[in-house]
Amino acid sequence: MWTVPLPEHPPFAFVHLKRVFTLPDSRHVVVLVDAKALLACADRDPTDYVLPAPQYWQQGKVKGLREFLEPGQTRIPEMPYVLFSTRRAKGLAGWLGLASEGVVSFRNGQHRARYLTHAGAICFPVEVHETEAEALRKWCGWVGAGRH
């Protein structure tokens, strides 16, 4: 179980998250990500399912998610599960193959990730397939005092 501090969230100061894949041979790993870097990569997802920030959600959605994440529940929420890839960056450098950018696609947990970030989480754990973990760490990994 992981504990994520929420310094800008008066209803509760932290949430607990658990792993999605718990079997030893699952080939999925936990990566501690920089919240803002992860969402910047997620905003590049080419699918039609990129959510806006929580302040633009319907109040019922915000309330439901807050209740779902509240500590002390019988069921501990799972950490977000993501896919990671890279693509050529926009512009001349990307066109020439000199620049790339990270892309995160959520398999599950996009609402959780956006809510946690909005509530002040600076980092949190996500699960990713082991073949994508190194690249995710490079683009979105938490490095302590911030990304460099």
C-alpha atoms as a PDB file:
ATOM      1  CA  MET A   1       0.000   0.000   0.000  1.00  0.00           C
ATOM      2  CA  TRP A   2       1.227   3.499  -0.872  1.00  0.00           C
ATOM      3  CA  THR A   3       0.324   6.729   0.925  1.00  0.00           C
ATOM      4  CA  VAL A   4       0.036   9.897  -1.172  1.00  0.00           C
ATOM      5  CA  PRO A   5       0.055  13.251   0.699  1.00  0.00           C
ATOM      6  CA  LEU A   6      -2.544  15.816  -0.433  1.00  0.00           C
ATOM      7  CA  PRO A   7      -1.358  19.150   1.004  1.00  0.00           C
ATOM      8  CA  GLU A   8      -4.039  21.260  -0.717  1.00  0.00           C
ATOM      9  CA  HIS A   9      -7.033  19.075   0.163  1.00  0.00           C
ATOM     10  CA  PRO A  10      -8.978  20.046   3.318  1.00  0.00           C
ATOM     11  CA  PRO A  11     -11.352  17.031   3.328  1.00  0.00           C
ATOM     12  CA  PHE A  12      -8.402  14.669   4.007  1.00  0.00           C
ATOM     13  CA  ALA A  13      -4.619  15.018   3.962  1.00  0.00           C
ATOM     14  CA  PHE A  14      -3.669  11.771   2.206  1.00  0.00           C
ATOM     15  CA  VAL A  15      -4.967   8.797   0.248  1.00  0.00           C
ATOM     16  CA  HIS A  16      -3.936   5.158   0.177  1.00  0.00           C
ATOM     17  CA  LEU A  17      -3.412   3.369  -3.124  1.00  0.00           C
ATOM     18  CA  LYS A  18      -2.724  -0.296  -3.802  1.00  0.00           C
ATOM     19  CA  ARG A  19      -1.208  -2.156  -6.725  1.00  0.00           C
ATOM     20  CA  VAL A  20      -3.351  -3.310  -9.620  1.00  0.00           C
ATOM     21  CA  PHE A  21      -1.218  -6.343 -10.496  1.00  0.00           C
ATOM     22  CA  THR A  22      -0.241  -8.333  -7.432  1.00  0.00           C
ATOM     23  CA  LEU A  23       0.856 -11.687  -8.859  1.00  0.00           C
ATOM     24  CA  PRO A  24       4.647 -12.181  -8.947  1.00  0.00           C
ATOM     25  CA  ASP A  25       4.698 -12.974 -12.688  1.00  0.00           C
ATOM     26  CA  SER A  26       2.545 -10.012 -13.772  1.00  0.00           C
ATOM     27  CA  ARG A  27       5.508  -8.175 -15.415  1.00  0.00           C
ATOM     28  CA  HIS A  28       4.129  -4.844 -14.179  1.00  0.00           C
ATOM     29  CA  VAL A  29       6.067  -2.488 -11.930  1.00  0.00           C
ATOM     30  CA  VAL A  30       5.333   0.558  -9.811  1.00  0.00           C
ATOM     31  CA  VAL A  31       6.910   3.853 -10.872  1.00  0.00           C
ATOM     32  CA  LEU A  32       6.757   6.947  -8.677  1.00  0.00           C
ATOM     33  CA  VAL A  33       5.891   9.779 -11.071  1.00  0.00           C
ATOM     34  CA  ASP A  34       5.982  13.557 -10.971  1.00  0.00           C
ATOM     35  CA  ALA A  35       2.271  14.426 -11.069  1.00  0.00           C
ATOM     36  CA  LYS A  36       2.540  17.402 -13.425  1.00  0.00           C
ATOM     37  CA  ALA A  37       4.970  15.658 -15.788  1.00  0.00           C
ATOM     38  CA  LEU A  38       2.637  12.647 -16.009  1.00  0.00           C
ATOM     39  CA  LEU A  39      -0.376  14.809 -16.848  1.00  0.00           C
ATOM     40  CA  ALA A  40       1.627  16.777 -19.425  1.00  0.00           C
ATOM     41  CA  CYS A  41       2.383  13.481 -21.174  1.00  0.00           C
ATOM     42  CA  ALA A  42      -1.236  12.341 -20.747  1.00  0.00           C
ATOM     43  CA  ASP A  43      -2.491  15.529 -22.387  1.00  0.00           C
ATOM     44  CA  ARG A  44      -0.678  14.355 -25.551  1.00  0.00           C
ATOM     45  CA  ASP A  45      -2.720  11.137 -25.728  1.00  0.00           C
ATOM     46  CA  PRO A  46      -4.174  11.035 -29.253  1.00  0.00           C
ATOM     47  CA  THR A  47      -7.386   9.320 -28.133  1.00  0.00           C
ATOM     48  CA  ASP A  48     -10.589  11.218 -27.454  1.00  0.00           C
ATOM     49  CA  TYR A  49     -10.501  10.382 -23.754  1.00  0.00           C
ATOM     50  CA  VAL A  50      -8.326  13.098 -22.224  1.00  0.00           C
ATOM     51  CA  LEU A  51     -10.119  14.613 -19.244  1.00  0.00           C
ATOM     52  CA  PRO A  52     -10.095  18.273 -18.261  1.00  0.00           C
ATOM     53  CA  ALA A  53      -8.904  19.346 -14.811  1.00  0.00           C
ATOM     54  CA  PRO A  54     -11.279  18.512 -11.912  1.00  0.00           C
ATOM     55  CA  GLN A  55     -12.451  22.119 -11.503  1.00  0.00           C
ATOM     56  CA  TYR A  56     -14.276  21.625 -14.825  1.00  0.00           C
ATOM     57  CA  TRP A  57     -15.987  18.372 -13.800  1.00  0.00           C
ATOM     58  CA  GLN A  58     -19.603  18.129 -12.696  1.00  0.00           C
ATOM     59  CA  GLN A  59     -19.921  18.455  -8.914  1.00  0.00           C
ATOM     60  CA  GLY A  60     -21.358  14.942  -8.644  1.00  0.00           C
ATOM     61  CA  LYS A  61     -18.229  13.508 -10.269  1.00  0.00           C
ATOM     62  CA  VAL A  62     -15.934  15.396  -7.875  1.00  0.00           C
ATOM     63  CA  LYS A  63     -17.997  14.342  -4.853  1.00  0.00           C
ATOM     64  CA  GLY A  64     -18.072  10.703  -5.949  1.00  0.00           C
ATOM     65  CA  LEU A  65     -14.336  10.558  -6.520  1.00  0.00           C
ATOM     66  CA  ARG A  66     -13.607  12.270  -3.200  1.00  0.00           C
ATOM     67  CA  GLU A  67     -15.754   9.660  -1.421  1.00  0.00           C
ATOM     68  CA  PHE A  68     -14.070   6.844  -3.374  1.00  0.00           C
ATOM     69  CA  LEU A  69     -10.577   8.030  -2.365  1.00  0.00           C
ATOM     70  CA  GLU A  70     -11.347   8.895   1.259  1.00  0.00           C
ATOM     71  CA  PRO A  71      -9.083   7.004   3.695  1.00  0.00           C
ATOM     72  CA  GLY A  72     -10.757   4.509   5.985  1.00  0.00           C
ATOM     73  CA  GLN A  73     -12.867   2.882   3.290  1.00  0.00           C
ATOM     74  CA  THR A  74     -13.030  -0.905   3.278  1.00  0.00           C
ATOM     75  CA  ARG A  75     -11.831  -0.989  -0.324  1.00  0.00           C
ATOM     76  CA  ILE A  76      -8.455   0.651  -0.998  1.00  0.00           C
ATOM     77  CA  PRO A  77      -8.371   2.305  -4.442  1.00  0.00           C
ATOM     78  CA  GLU A  78      -5.903   1.023  -7.015  1.00  0.00           C
ATOM     79  CA  MET A  79      -3.126   3.248  -8.303  1.00  0.00           C
ATOM     80  CA  PRO A  80      -3.477   4.424 -11.907  1.00  0.00           C
ATOM     81  CA  TYR A  81      -2.419   1.957 -14.597  1.00  0.00           C
ATOM     82  CA  VAL A  82      -0.771   3.549 -17.634  1.00  0.00           C
ATOM     83  CA  LEU A  83       0.812   2.803 -20.985  1.00  0.00           C
ATOM     84  CA  PHE A  84       3.816   4.848 -22.081  1.00  0.00           C
ATOM     85  CA  SER A  85       5.260   5.605 -25.500  1.00  0.00           C
ATOM     86  CA  THR A  86       7.169   8.337 -27.284  1.00  0.00           C
ATOM     87  CA  ARG A  87       6.541  10.100 -30.554  1.00  0.00           C
ATOM     88  CA  ARG A  88       8.193  12.771 -32.625  1.00  0.00           C
ATOM     89  CA  ALA A  89       7.748  16.221 -31.159  1.00  0.00           C
ATOM     90  CA  LYS A  90       5.875  18.852 -33.123  1.00  0.00           C
ATOM     91  CA  GLY A  91       7.906  21.326 -35.132  1.00  0.00           C
ATOM     92  CA  LEU A  92      10.981  21.145 -37.275  1.00  0.00           C
ATOM     93  CA  ALA A  93      13.138  19.273 -34.740  1.00  0.00           C
ATOM     94  CA  GLY A  94      10.485  16.571 -34.431  1.00  0.00           C
ATOM     95  CA  TRP A  95       9.997  16.373 -38.162  1.00  0.00           C
ATOM     96  CA  LEU A  96      13.747  15.869 -38.568  1.00  0.00           C
ATOM     97  CA  GLY A  97      13.683  13.167 -35.884  1.00  0.00           C
ATOM     98  CA  LEU A  98      15.779  15.224 -33.467  1.00  0.00           C
ATOM     99  CA  ALA A  99      13.143  15.722 -30.754  1.00  0.00           C
ATOM    100  CA  SER A 100      10.574  13.445 -29.197  1.00  0.00           C
ATOM    101  CA  GLU A 101       7.934  13.713 -26.494  1.00  0.00           C
ATOM    102  CA  GLY A 102       6.414  11.289 -24.023  1.00  0.00           C
ATOM    103  CA  VAL A 103       2.808  10.122 -24.305  1.00  0.00           C
ATOM    104  CA  VAL A 104       0.856   8.539 -21.447  1.00  0.00           C
ATOM    105  CA  SER A 105      -2.376   6.654 -22.060  1.00  0.00           C
ATOM    106  CA  PHE A 106      -4.441   5.656 -19.054  1.00  0.00           C
ATOM    107  CA  ARG A 107      -5.789   2.113 -18.982  1.00  0.00           C
ATOM    108  CA  ASN A 108      -7.398   2.929 -15.634  1.00  0.00           C
ATOM    109  CA  GLY A 109      -7.183   5.757 -13.122  1.00  0.00           C
ATOM    110  CA  GLN A 110      -7.183   8.959 -15.180  1.00  0.00           C
ATOM    111  CA  HIS A 111      -9.804  10.548 -12.883  1.00  0.00           C
ATOM    112  CA  ARG A 112      -7.732   9.543  -9.832  1.00  0.00           C
ATOM    113  CA  ALA A 113      -4.526  10.969 -11.292  1.00  0.00           C
ATOM    114  CA  ARG A 114      -6.113  14.288 -12.213  1.00  0.00           C
ATOM    115  CA  TYR A 115      -7.914  14.564  -8.865  1.00  0.00           C
ATOM    116  CA  LEU A 116      -4.744  13.777  -6.877  1.00  0.00           C
ATOM    117  CA  THR A 117      -2.780  16.396  -8.806  1.00  0.00           C
ATOM    118  CA  HIS A 118      -5.537  18.976  -8.318  1.00  0.00           C
ATOM    119  CA  ALA A 119      -5.514  18.162  -4.572  1.00  0.00           C
ATOM    120  CA  GLY A 120      -1.816  18.983  -4.352  1.00  0.00           C
ATOM    121  CA  ALA A 121      -0.094  15.627  -4.821  1.00  0.00           C
ATOM    122  CA  ILE A 122       3.351  16.314  -6.222  1.00  0.00           C
ATOM    123  CA  CYS A 123       4.074  12.662  -6.914  1.00  0.00           C
ATOM    124  CA  PHE A 124       2.215   9.372  -6.778  1.00  0.00           C
ATOM    125  CA  PRO A 125       2.682   5.751  -7.853  1.00  0.00           C
ATOM    126  CA  VAL A 126       1.400   4.305 -11.113  1.00  0.00           C
ATOM    127  CA  GLU A 127       1.696   0.829 -12.559  1.00  0.00           C
ATOM    128  CA  VAL A 128       3.147   0.215 -15.989  1.00  0.00           C
ATOM    129  CA  HIS A 129       4.381  -2.823 -17.918  1.00  0.00           C
ATOM    130  CA  GLU A 130       8.032  -3.508 -17.188  1.00  0.00           C
ATOM    131  CA  THR A 131       9.002  -2.900 -20.831  1.00  0.00           C
ATOM    132  CA  GLU A 132       7.753   0.713 -20.580  1.00  0.00           C
ATOM    133  CA  ALA A 133       8.979   1.489 -17.053  1.00  0.00           C
ATOM    134  CA  GLU A 134      12.433   2.858 -17.916  1.00  0.00           C
ATOM    135  CA  ALA A 135      11.029   5.307 -20.483  1.00  0.00           C
ATOM    136  CA  LEU A 136       8.261   6.383 -18.082  1.00  0.00           C
ATOM    137  CA  ARG A 137      10.886   7.053 -15.397  1.00  0.00           C
ATOM    138  CA  LYS A 138      12.940   9.103 -17.866  1.00  0.00           C
ATOM    139  CA  TRP A 139      10.019  11.311 -18.904  1.00  0.00           C
ATOM    140  CA  CYS A 140       7.856  11.406 -15.766  1.00  0.00           C
ATOM    141  CA  GLY A 141       9.797   9.895 -12.870  1.00  0.00           C
ATOM    142  CA  TRP A 142       9.839  11.721  -9.562  1.00  0.00           C
ATOM    143  CA  VAL A 143      13.327  13.060  -8.858  1.00  0.00           C
ATOM    144  CA  GLY A 144      12.800  14.592  -5.424  1.00  0.00           C
ATOM    145  CA  ALA A 145      12.627  18.355  -5.387  1.00  0.00           C
ATOM    146  CA  GLY A 146      11.197  18.546  -8.904  1.00  0.00           C
ATOM    147  CA  ARG A 147      11.989  17.632 -12.482  1.00  0.00           C
ATOM    148  CA  HIS A 148      15.236  18.856 -14.012  1.00  0.00           C
END
